[in-house]
């Protein structure tokens, strides 16, 4: 996935490739549901990461219990499995869960 950042003052466009399958924004932050590598295979394992807006790199990561994972981009998966608000990550898997950052 490529994240595209547009500078509000200069309209300069910067694209960064991130190992992610979902993007959420909140509290002035951008977070992604990231892929992690297990035994040489990419596997979405409930890893979320905060994106540094200056570099496009993940500045920190956390393990969060998320809902069901998508099988492919064409399987109707169109809503992020978590949200960021009030310094917490909110997810829904067997009920609403909150992770404090």
Protein backbone atom coordinates (compact mmCIF):
# COMPACT_ATOMS: atom_id res chain seq x y z
CA UNK A 1 0.00 0.00 0.00
CA UNK A 2 1.16 3.53 -0.68
CA UNK A 3 0.28 6.39 1.63
CA UNK A 4 0.17 9.74 -0.10
CA UNK A 5 0.81 12.96 1.84
CA UNK A 6 0.00 16.37 0.39
CA UNK A 7 1.71 19.35 2.02
CA UNK A 8 -0.97 21.97 2.75
CA UNK A 9 1.34 24.94 2.08
CA UNK A 10 3.24 23.82 -1.02
CA UNK A 11 0.95 21.07 -2.36
CA UNK A 12 4.04 18.85 -2.61
CA UNK A 13 3.05 15.19 -2.88
CA UNK A 14 5.04 12.52 -1.05
CA UNK A 15 4.25 8.82 -1.40
CA UNK A 16 5.47 6.21 1.07
CA UNK A 17 5.15 2.46 0.73
CA UNK A 18 4.00 0.84 3.98
CA UNK A 19 3.34 -2.84 4.72
CA UNK A 20 -0.34 -2.28 5.51
CA UNK A 21 -3.86 -3.38 4.65
CA UNK A 22 -5.94 -0.71 6.41
CA UNK A 23 -5.44 2.96 7.33
CA UNK A 24 -7.16 5.00 10.06
CA UNK A 25 -6.68 8.59 11.18
CA UNK A 26 -7.61 10.31 14.42
CA UNK A 27 -6.22 12.60 17.11
CA UNK A 28 -3.90 14.11 14.48
CA UNK A 29 -2.29 10.70 13.89
CA UNK A 30 -2.25 8.13 11.11
CA UNK A 31 -2.23 4.43 12.01
CA UNK A 32 -2.18 1.33 9.82
CA UNK A 33 -3.04 -2.32 10.29
CA UNK A 34 0.30 -3.76 9.27
CA UNK A 35 1.53 -6.99 7.81
CA UNK A 36 4.15 -8.84 9.80
CA UNK A 37 6.33 -11.61 8.49
CA UNK A 38 6.05 -15.10 10.00
CA UNK A 39 8.17 -17.93 8.64
CA UNK A 40 8.81 -15.99 5.46
CA UNK A 41 5.11 -15.47 4.71
CA UNK A 42 3.21 -12.23 5.14
CA UNK A 43 0.52 -12.62 7.75
CA UNK A 44 -1.78 -9.96 9.21
CA UNK A 45 -1.40 -10.61 12.94
CA UNK A 46 -3.22 -7.75 14.64
CA UNK A 47 -0.19 -5.49 14.44
CA UNK A 48 -0.98 -1.80 14.20
CA UNK A 49 1.59 0.93 13.65
CA UNK A 50 1.71 4.69 13.91
CA UNK A 51 2.99 6.38 10.75
CA UNK A 52 5.53 9.19 11.09
CA UNK A 53 4.14 11.87 8.74
CA UNK A 54 7.62 13.24 7.97
CA UNK A 55 9.16 9.94 6.84
CA UNK A 56 6.23 7.63 6.09
CA UNK A 57 7.79 4.98 8.33
CA UNK A 58 6.22 3.26 11.29
CA UNK A 59 7.32 5.11 14.42
CA UNK A 60 5.82 2.60 16.88
CA UNK A 61 3.78 -0.57 16.79
CA UNK A 62 1.39 -2.40 19.09
CA UNK A 63 -0.46 -5.71 19.13
CA UNK A 64 -4.21 -5.17 19.30
CA UNK A 65 -6.96 -7.78 19.11
CA UNK A 66 -8.81 -6.94 15.91
CA UNK A 67 -11.88 -8.38 14.24
CA UNK A 68 -11.77 -10.79 11.33
CA UNK A 69 -9.03 -10.21 8.79
CA UNK A 70 -9.65 -9.74 5.07
CA UNK A 71 -9.00 -12.59 2.69
CA UNK A 72 -8.36 -10.36 -0.33
CA UNK A 73 -9.04 -6.86 -1.55
CA UNK A 74 -12.13 -8.09 -3.38
CA UNK A 75 -13.89 -9.76 -0.45
CA UNK A 76 -16.01 -6.77 0.58
CA UNK A 77 -13.61 -5.68 3.33
CA UNK A 78 -14.01 -1.91 3.22
CA UNK A 79 -14.03 -0.72 6.84
CA UNK A 80 -10.93 -0.42 9.02
CA UNK A 81 -11.00 -2.89 11.93
CA UNK A 82 -10.00 -0.25 14.50
CA UNK A 83 -10.16 3.46 15.30
CA UNK A 84 -7.88 5.95 17.08
CA UNK A 85 -9.33 8.50 19.52
CA UNK A 86 -8.54 10.03 22.91
CA UNK A 87 -5.06 8.46 23.05
CA UNK A 88 -6.46 4.95 22.63
CA UNK A 89 -6.97 2.36 19.93
CA UNK A 90 -10.52 1.05 19.82
CA UNK A 91 -11.28 -2.30 18.22
CA UNK A 92 -14.20 -4.67 18.02
CA UNK A 93 -13.54 -8.37 18.44
CA UNK A 94 -15.84 -10.26 20.78
CA UNK A 95 -17.02 -6.88 22.08
CA UNK A 96 -15.52 -3.40 22.15
CA UNK A 97 -11.90 -3.28 23.32
CA UNK A 98 -9.68 -0.35 24.24
CA UNK A 99 -5.88 -0.22 24.18
CA UNK A 100 -4.20 2.77 25.83
CA UNK A 101 -1.22 4.12 23.87
